Amino acid sequence: MTTAALRLDVRTLNRRFGARQVVRDVTLSIEAGRVMCLLGPSGCGKSTTLRMIAGVERPDAGQIFIDGAAAFGLGVNLPPEARGVGMMFQDFALFPHLTVEGNVAFGLKGDAQAKARRVGELLEKVNLTGFAAKHPHELSGGEQQRVALARALAPRPRVMLMDEPFSGLDNRLRDGVRDATLALLKEEGAAVLLVTHEPDEAMRMADEIALMRAGAIVQQGAPYNIYNAPVDRAAAGFFSDINVIQGVSKGALTQTPFGSFLTPGHADGAPVDIIIRPQHLKIDFDRAGRGPNPTVQDGTPARGTVARARFLGRESLVDFVMDQHDERGPLTLTAAVPGVFLPKPGTALWLMIRRDRCFVFPAA
């Protein structure tokens, strides 16, 4: 990927508020028609990064290029209106005194006829034809969001910045509006940087995810790779619930209630965390108390007693207190079982671990 092919190219952005480093060496790049999600917990620097790219917050250091031209750095600091950047926020920020047509046309230049054509084109794309004369208070939340999208796209921005734009919608609306928005953004050819703290939203929308923590990007890549090859325990836990089995590495092996695990790269005596997601902890219904019978893939089964079971709609979660302890002491693990499975507390079952789905990290 060359700089000339990029819509947005951000290099080592830094921002400090007093003694606090809010953004640290953030580097990312997005091509036209691609979506990157800046994902992380509240307060990690996501919105500040977005504001610096938009030009409403000045970086302490770094460079920003849009379509290969400097927007910040190298002696340049373009104002927001000169950057070719659109922005959408979670509160939509529509002008209440303007009609839908007036809101969409607000940032447009040119003659009235050209403006009217662009407004009509966008209202058709967001399925709001016939809504031009309405005011924001006459619209539903989903309709207001689509007006905000049309207004942001009206000037044909090269880069679209979105700060949790769907968080104000209820769950029934969110998926449909989100998918329609994504399709339109790709059709318009904008490079999209979307800020969210919801992993499901990032996985659903992004071509690439940049996982942010404490002001820095700790991992970046396609959603599949981020999910299946997390950089550390915190990254794994950000995308889903996790089970943690703690052990001690000795001779590149760690002993657990499920047998020995390969732990190369960890010094002898080093504590390690073996991470397994609930959906990859398997209940061996065939064994039914007949005792352990190790397999290559699933290792040694271990017995646990049901502490609690609850049904969540698509799956059931079952908490087990294991017969054997790990290095910390009593071990509790959670298994996710598709459909309805609600064994009574006190039921003993054998569990197995998908070794190919485990992650091993230095102990937290």
Protein backbone atom coordinates (compact mmCIF):
# COMPACT_ATOMS: atom_id res chain seq x y z
CA MET A 1 0.00 0.00 0.00
CA THR A 2 1.48 3.31 -1.03
CA THR A 3 0.81 6.73 0.45
CA ALA A 4 -0.59 7.93 -2.89
CA ALA A 5 -3.32 5.23 -2.72
CA LEU A 6 -4.48 6.27 0.72
CA ARG A 7 -7.39 8.51 1.58
CA LEU A 8 -6.28 8.92 5.20
CA ASP A 9 -2.72 8.50 6.45
CA VAL A 10 -2.03 9.29 10.13
CA ARG A 11 1.51 9.10 11.49
CA THR A 12 2.58 9.07 15.16
CA LEU A 13 -0.10 11.41 16.52
CA ASN A 14 0.47 12.53 20.12
CA ARG A 15 -1.67 14.59 22.47
CA ARG A 16 -1.09 15.46 26.10
CA PHE A 17 -3.42 17.26 28.53
CA GLY A 18 -1.21 18.50 31.35
CA ALA A 19 0.72 15.55 32.77
CA ARG A 20 -1.57 13.00 31.11
CA GLN A 21 -0.62 11.46 27.77
CA VAL A 22 -4.03 10.99 26.13
CA VAL A 23 -2.88 9.82 22.68
CA ARG A 24 0.49 8.18 22.13
CA ASP A 25 2.11 7.53 18.72
CA VAL A 26 -1.13 6.64 16.92
CA THR A 27 -0.48 5.53 13.35
CA LEU A 28 -3.15 4.29 10.94
CA SER A 29 -4.11 4.41 7.26
CA ILE A 30 -7.36 3.85 5.36
CA GLU A 31 -8.07 3.48 1.65
CA ALA A 32 -11.15 4.78 -0.17
CA GLY A 33 -14.24 2.67 0.44
CA ARG A 34 -12.73 0.98 3.48
CA VAL A 35 -13.87 1.09 7.11
CA MET A 36 -11.56 1.08 10.10
CA CYS A 37 -12.96 0.86 13.62
CA LEU A 38 -11.01 2.51 16.42
CA LEU A 39 -12.07 0.23 19.26
CA GLY A 40 -11.39 0.55 22.95
CA PRO A 41 -12.84 1.35 26.39
CA SER A 42 -14.11 4.78 27.33
CA GLY A 43 -11.32 7.25 28.05
CA CYS A 44 -8.64 5.48 25.99
CA GLY A 45 -8.16 8.39 23.53
CA LYS A 46 -10.42 7.34 20.64
CA SER A 47 -12.47 10.53 20.40
CA THR A 48 -9.42 12.74 20.88
CA THR A 49 -7.77 10.98 17.94
CA LEU A 50 -10.89 11.61 15.83
CA ARG A 51 -10.96 15.28 16.82
CA MET A 52 -7.31 15.74 15.83
CA ILE A 53 -7.94 14.21 12.41
CA ALA A 54 -10.97 16.48 11.97
CA GLY A 55 -8.90 19.55 12.88
CA VAL A 56 -10.85 20.61 15.97
CA GLU A 57 -8.06 19.44 18.31
CA ARG A 58 -4.42 20.28 17.63
CA PRO A 59 -1.91 17.43 18.02
CA ASP A 60 1.28 17.99 20.00
CA ALA A 61 3.16 16.00 17.38
CA GLY A 62 2.55 13.83 14.33
CA GLN A 63 1.34 14.16 10.76
CA ILE A 64 -2.02 13.80 9.00
CA PHE A 65 -2.33 13.34 5.23
CA ILE A 66 -5.60 13.29 3.27
CA ASP A 67 -5.34 12.05 -0.31
CA GLY A 68 -1.58 12.43 -0.02
CA ALA A 69 -1.69 16.14 0.92
CA ALA A 70 -0.69 17.33 4.38
CA ALA A 71 -3.58 18.41 6.61
CA PHE A 72 -1.34 18.68 9.68
CA GLY A 73 2.42 18.60 10.08
CA LEU A 74 5.30 19.79 7.93
CA GLY A 75 4.34 23.34 8.83
CA VAL A 76 0.68 22.83 7.80
CA ASN A 77 -2.45 22.97 9.97
CA LEU A 78 -5.56 23.14 7.78
CA PRO A 79 -8.81 24.29 9.40
CA PRO A 80 -11.60 21.68 9.62
CA GLU A 81 -13.54 23.10 6.66
CA ALA A 82 -10.50 22.77 4.37
CA ARG A 83 -9.75 19.11 5.12
CA GLY A 84 -12.50 17.38 3.15
CA VAL A 85 -13.62 15.52 6.27
CA GLY A 86 -17.18 14.68 7.31
CA MET A 87 -18.21 13.96 10.89
CA MET A 88 -21.11 12.11 12.53
CA PHE A 89 -21.80 12.03 16.25
CA GLN A 90 -24.04 9.96 18.51
CA ASP A 91 -26.46 12.87 19.11
CA PHE A 92 -26.96 13.50 15.34
CA ALA A 93 -26.59 17.31 15.94
CA LEU A 94 -29.36 18.25 13.49
CA PHE A 95 -30.52 21.86 13.35
CA PRO A 96 -34.03 21.81 14.87
CA HIS A 97 -35.19 24.96 13.07
CA LEU A 98 -34.27 23.61 9.60
CA THR A 99 -36.20 21.09 7.54
CA VAL A 100 -34.65 17.81 6.44
CA GLU A 101 -33.81 19.46 3.12
CA GLY A 102 -32.25 22.44 4.91
CA ASN A 103 -30.16 20.20 7.16
CA VAL A 104 -28.81 18.12 4.27
CA ALA A 105 -28.08 21.19 2.14
CA PHE A 106 -26.45 23.15 4.98
CA GLY A 107 -22.82 22.46 4.04
CA LEU A 108 -23.28 22.53 0.28
CA LYS A 109 -21.91 25.18 -2.06
CA GLY A 110 -23.04 26.13 -5.55
CA ASP A 111 -26.31 27.18 -7.12
CA ALA A 112 -29.71 26.24 -5.77
CA GLN A 113 -30.41 23.77 -8.57
CA ALA A 114 -27.20 21.80 -7.96
CA LYS A 115 -27.89 21.75 -4.22
CA ALA A 116 -31.43 20.48 -4.77
CA ARG A 117 -30.17 17.68 -7.04
CA ARG A 118 -27.61 16.54 -4.45
CA VAL A 119 -30.15 16.67 -1.62
CA GLY A 120 -32.69 14.68 -3.65
CA GLU A 121 -30.05 12.10 -4.59
CA LEU A 122 -29.02 11.57 -0.97
CA LEU A 123 -32.53 11.45 0.44
CA GLU A 124 -33.31 8.73 -2.10
CA LYS A 125 -30.20 6.78 -1.05
CA VAL A 126 -31.15 6.92 2.64
CA ASN A 127 -34.80 6.06 1.88
CA LEU A 128 -36.17 9.44 2.96
CA THR A 129 -37.72 10.61 -0.30
CA GLY A 130 -40.80 12.64 0.65
CA PHE A 131 -39.31 13.74 3.99
CA ALA A 132 -37.67 16.94 2.69
CA ALA A 133 -40.18 19.33 4.29
CA LYS A 134 -40.25 17.64 7.70
CA HIS A 135 -38.40 18.94 10.77
CA PRO A 136 -36.16 16.79 13.01
CA HIS A 137 -38.74 16.59 15.82
CA GLU A 138 -41.13 14.88 13.40
CA LEU A 139 -38.68 12.04 12.74
CA SER A 140 -37.84 8.81 14.56
CA GLY A 141 -34.35 8.20 15.89
CA GLY A 142 -33.46 6.02 12.91
CA GLU A 143 -34.73 8.66 10.48
CA GLN A 144 -32.75 11.40 12.24
CA GLN A 145 -29.63 9.25 11.99
CA ARG A 146 -30.14 8.86 8.25
CA VAL A 147 -30.60 12.61 7.83
CA ALA A 148 -27.34 13.16 9.74
CA LEU A 149 -25.62 10.68 7.42
CA ALA A 150 -26.98 12.41 4.31
CA ARG A 151 -25.85 15.81 5.62
CA ALA A 152 -22.35 14.50 6.37
CA LEU A 153 -22.08 12.95 2.89
CA ALA A 154 -23.54 15.91 1.00
CA PRO A 155 -20.20 17.73 0.36
CA ARG A 156 -18.65 14.40 -0.79
CA PRO A 157 -16.02 14.17 1.97
CA ARG A 158 -12.95 12.11 1.24
CA VAL A 159 -12.81 10.96 4.87
CA MET A 160 -15.78 10.22 7.15
CA LEU A 161 -15.22 10.30 10.91
CA MET A 162 -17.92 8.69 13.06
CA ASP A 163 -18.01 8.93 16.86
CA GLU A 164 -20.32 6.18 18.18
CA PRO A 165 -23.05 7.28 15.75
CA PHE A 166 -25.40 4.35 16.48
CA SER A 167 -25.35 4.33 20.28
CA GLY A 168 -28.49 6.50 20.44
CA LEU A 169 -30.58 3.94 18.56
CA ASP A 170 -32.47 1.08 20.19
CA ASN A 171 -31.41 -2.46 19.42
CA ARG A 172 -34.32 -3.09 17.03
CA LEU A 173 -33.19 -0.28 14.74
CA ARG A 174 -29.45 -0.42 15.16
CA ASP A 175 -28.51 -3.37 12.95
CA GLY A 176 -30.56 -2.27 9.97
CA VAL A 177 -29.48 1.38 10.11
CA ARG A 178 -25.85 0.36 10.63
CA ASP A 179 -25.84 -1.96 7.61
CA ALA A 180 -27.53 0.62 5.36
CA THR A 181 -25.07 3.29 6.50
CA LEU A 182 -22.10 1.06 5.80
CA ALA A 183 -23.33 0.23 2.29
CA LEU A 184 -23.84 3.91 1.45
CA LEU A 185 -20.44 4.96 2.81
CA LYS A 186 -18.72 2.34 0.68
CA GLU A 187 -20.73 3.40 -2.37
CA GLU A 188 -19.67 7.03 -1.85
CA GLY A 189 -16.01 5.95 -1.70
CA ALA A 190 -15.16 7.65 1.57
CA ALA A 191 -12.46 6.33 3.89
CA VAL A 192 -14.31 5.72 7.16
CA LEU A 193 -12.87 5.86 10.68
CA LEU A 194 -15.51 4.82 13.20
CA VAL A 195 -15.01 5.09 16.96
CA THR A 196 -16.78 2.54 19.14
CA HIS A 197 -16.39 0.77 22.47
CA GLU A 198 -18.55 -2.16 21.32
CA PRO A 199 -16.59 -5.14 19.91
CA ASP A 200 -19.69 -6.55 18.17
CA GLU A 201 -20.15 -3.32 16.24
CA ALA A 202 -16.48 -3.25 15.24
CA MET A 203 -16.58 -6.89 14.11
CA ARG A 204 -19.74 -6.25 12.10
CA MET A 205 -18.66 -3.05 10.33
CA ALA A 206 -14.89 -2.98 10.03
CA ASP A 207 -12.57 -4.05 7.27
CA GLU A 208 -9.86 -3.44 9.87
CA ILE A 209 -9.86 -2.89 13.63
CA ALA A 210 -7.38 -0.79 15.58
CA LEU A 211 -7.60 -1.82 19.23
CA MET A 212 -6.74 1.11 21.50
CA ARG A 213 -5.74 1.12 25.14
CA ALA A 214 -4.39 3.93 27.34
CA GLY A 215 -3.85 6.22 24.36
CA ALA A 216 -1.98 3.75 22.14
CA ILE A 217 -2.97 1.26 19.44
CA VAL A 218 -2.00 -2.15 20.86
CA GLN A 219 -3.15 -4.30 17.92
CA GLN A 220 -4.35 -3.67 14.39
CA GLY A 221 -5.69 -6.00 11.73
CA ALA A 222 -8.68 -7.71 10.16
CA PRO A 223 -11.47 -8.61 12.62
CA TYR A 224 -10.86 -12.36 12.17
CA ASN A 225 -7.17 -12.00 13.00
CA ILE A 226 -7.73 -9.68 15.97
CA TYR A 227 -10.28 -12.09 17.45
CA ASN A 228 -8.37 -15.31 16.83
CA ALA A 229 -4.84 -14.05 17.53
CA PRO A 230 -5.13 -11.51 20.37
CA VAL A 231 -1.92 -9.80 21.38
CA ASP A 232 -2.48 -10.29 25.12
CA ARG A 233 -4.97 -11.40 27.76
CA ALA A 234 -6.70 -7.99 27.86
CA ALA A 235 -7.21 -8.05 24.07
CA ALA A 236 -8.75 -11.52 24.25
CA GLY A 237 -11.02 -10.46 27.10
CA PHE A 238 -12.17 -7.31 25.33
CA PHE A 239 -13.93 -9.30 22.59
CA SER A 240 -15.61 -11.95 24.75
CA ASP A 241 -15.79 -13.56 28.15
CA ILE A 242 -12.77 -15.71 28.87
CA ASN A 243 -11.76 -18.51 31.20
CA VAL A 244 -8.31 -18.25 32.77
CA ILE A 245 -6.29 -21.21 34.02
CA GLN A 246 -3.09 -20.22 35.75
CA GLY A 247 -0.02 -22.43 35.77
CA VAL A 248 3.76 -22.34 35.95
CA SER A 249 5.95 -23.01 32.92
CA LYS A 250 8.62 -25.67 33.43
CA GLY A 251 10.66 -26.97 30.53
CA ALA A 252 8.28 -25.27 28.06
CA LEU A 253 5.35 -27.20 29.58
CA THR A 254 2.65 -26.12 32.01
CA GLN A 255 0.64 -28.59 34.06
CA THR A 256 -3.12 -27.96 34.39
CA PRO A 257 -6.22 -29.94 35.39
CA PHE A 258 -6.53 -30.66 31.64
CA GLY A 259 -3.04 -32.11 31.32
CA SER A 260 0.17 -30.45 30.15
CA PHE A 261 0.22 -27.51 27.73
CA LEU A 262 3.09 -26.42 25.53
CA THR A 263 4.30 -23.02 26.73
CA PRO A 264 7.45 -22.28 24.71
CA GLY A 265 9.07 -18.90 25.18
CA HIS A 266 8.25 -18.72 28.88
CA ALA A 267 11.09 -19.05 31.36
CA ASP A 268 11.16 -21.89 33.88
CA GLY A 269 9.15 -20.87 36.93
CA ALA A 270 7.27 -18.12 35.07
CA PRO A 271 3.53 -17.97 35.85
CA VAL A 272 1.34 -18.13 32.74
CA ASP A 273 -2.33 -17.64 31.96
CA ILE A 274 -3.98 -20.18 29.66
CA ILE A 275 -7.01 -18.48 28.09
CA ILE A 276 -10.03 -20.33 26.70
CA ARG A 277 -13.32 -18.78 25.58
CA PRO A 278 -16.53 -20.34 26.96
CA GLN A 279 -17.66 -21.57 23.52
CA HIS A 280 -14.46 -23.62 23.19
CA LEU A 281 -14.83 -25.39 26.54
CA LYS A 282 -16.52 -28.66 25.57
CA ILE A 283 -18.77 -30.83 27.72
CA ASP A 284 -18.13 -34.51 27.05
CA PHE A 285 -21.65 -35.92 27.17
CA ASP A 286 -20.48 -39.36 25.96
CA ARG A 287 -18.01 -39.83 28.82
CA ALA A 288 -20.75 -39.41 31.48
CA GLY A 289 -18.56 -40.27 34.44
CA ARG A 290 -16.51 -43.06 32.84
CA GLY A 291 -13.28 -41.22 33.62
CA PRO A 292 -10.58 -39.47 31.59
CA ASN A 293 -9.52 -40.70 28.17
CA PRO A 294 -7.06 -38.19 26.64
CA THR A 295 -7.17 -37.27 22.95
CA VAL A 296 -4.55 -35.42 20.93
CA GLN A 297 -6.74 -32.40 20.20
CA ASP A 298 -8.71 -32.11 23.42
CA GLY A 299 -6.11 -33.35 25.90
CA THR A 300 -7.05 -34.76 29.29
CA PRO A 301 -10.68 -34.34 30.39
CA ALA A 302 -11.29 -32.81 33.80
CA ARG A 303 -14.35 -33.15 35.99
CA GLY A 304 -16.38 -30.24 37.32
CA THR A 305 -19.58 -29.74 39.28
CA VAL A 306 -22.33 -27.43 38.01
CA ALA A 307 -22.63 -24.31 40.16
CA ARG A 308 -25.13 -22.38 38.00
CA ALA A 309 -26.79 -22.58 34.59
CA ARG A 310 -28.77 -19.92 32.72
CA PHE A 311 -30.38 -19.68 29.29
CA LEU A 312 -29.55 -16.58 27.19
CA GLY A 313 -31.62 -17.22 24.07
CA ARG A 314 -29.18 -18.66 21.55
CA GLU A 315 -27.04 -20.46 24.10
CA SER A 316 -26.80 -21.57 27.70
CA LEU A 317 -23.97 -20.63 30.06
CA VAL A 318 -22.95 -23.20 32.64
CA ASP A 319 -20.55 -22.41 35.50
CA PHE A 320 -18.44 -25.28 36.85
CA VAL A 321 -16.36 -25.65 39.99
CA MET A 322 -13.56 -27.97 38.95
CA ASP A 323 -12.40 -30.91 41.06
CA GLN A 324 -8.77 -29.89 40.61
CA HIS A 325 -7.30 -26.49 41.41
CA ASP A 326 -4.94 -24.37 39.35
CA GLU A 327 -1.99 -22.36 40.69
CA ARG A 328 -4.29 -19.77 42.27
CA GLY A 329 -6.50 -22.27 44.10
CA PRO A 330 -10.13 -23.25 43.40
CA LEU A 331 -10.88 -23.11 39.68
CA THR A 332 -14.24 -22.00 38.23
CA LEU A 333 -14.86 -22.24 34.48
CA THR A 334 -17.79 -21.28 32.25
CA ALA A 335 -18.94 -23.26 29.21
CA ALA A 336 -21.24 -21.93 26.47
CA VAL A 337 -23.58 -24.58 25.05
CA PRO A 338 -25.76 -23.88 21.98
CA GLY A 339 -29.50 -24.00 22.66
CA VAL A 340 -31.07 -24.99 25.96
CA PHE A 341 -28.90 -26.87 28.46
CA LEU A 342 -29.72 -26.30 32.11
CA PRO A 343 -28.25 -29.04 34.31
CA LYS A 344 -29.08 -28.87 37.99
CA PRO A 345 -26.48 -27.47 40.41
CA GLY A 346 -24.40 -30.28 41.81
CA THR A 347 -24.38 -32.28 38.55
CA ALA A 348 -20.89 -33.67 37.79
CA LEU A 349 -19.74 -33.52 34.16
CA TRP A 350 -16.49 -34.00 32.28
CA LEU A 351 -15.03 -31.07 30.38
CA MET A 352 -12.45 -30.85 27.61
CA ILE A 353 -10.51 -27.90 26.19
CA ARG A 354 -10.02 -27.19 22.51
CA ARG A 355 -6.24 -26.85 22.60
CA ASP A 356 -6.14 -25.25 19.16
CA ARG A 357 -8.36 -22.44 20.52
CA CYS A 358 -6.29 -21.66 23.63
CA PHE A 359 -4.00 -18.66 24.11
CA VAL A 360 -1.04 -18.59 26.46
CA PHE A 361 0.21 -15.29 27.92
CA PRO A 362 2.39 -14.22 30.85
CA ALA A 363 0.22 -14.18 33.97
CA ALA A 364 -1.59 -10.89 34.54
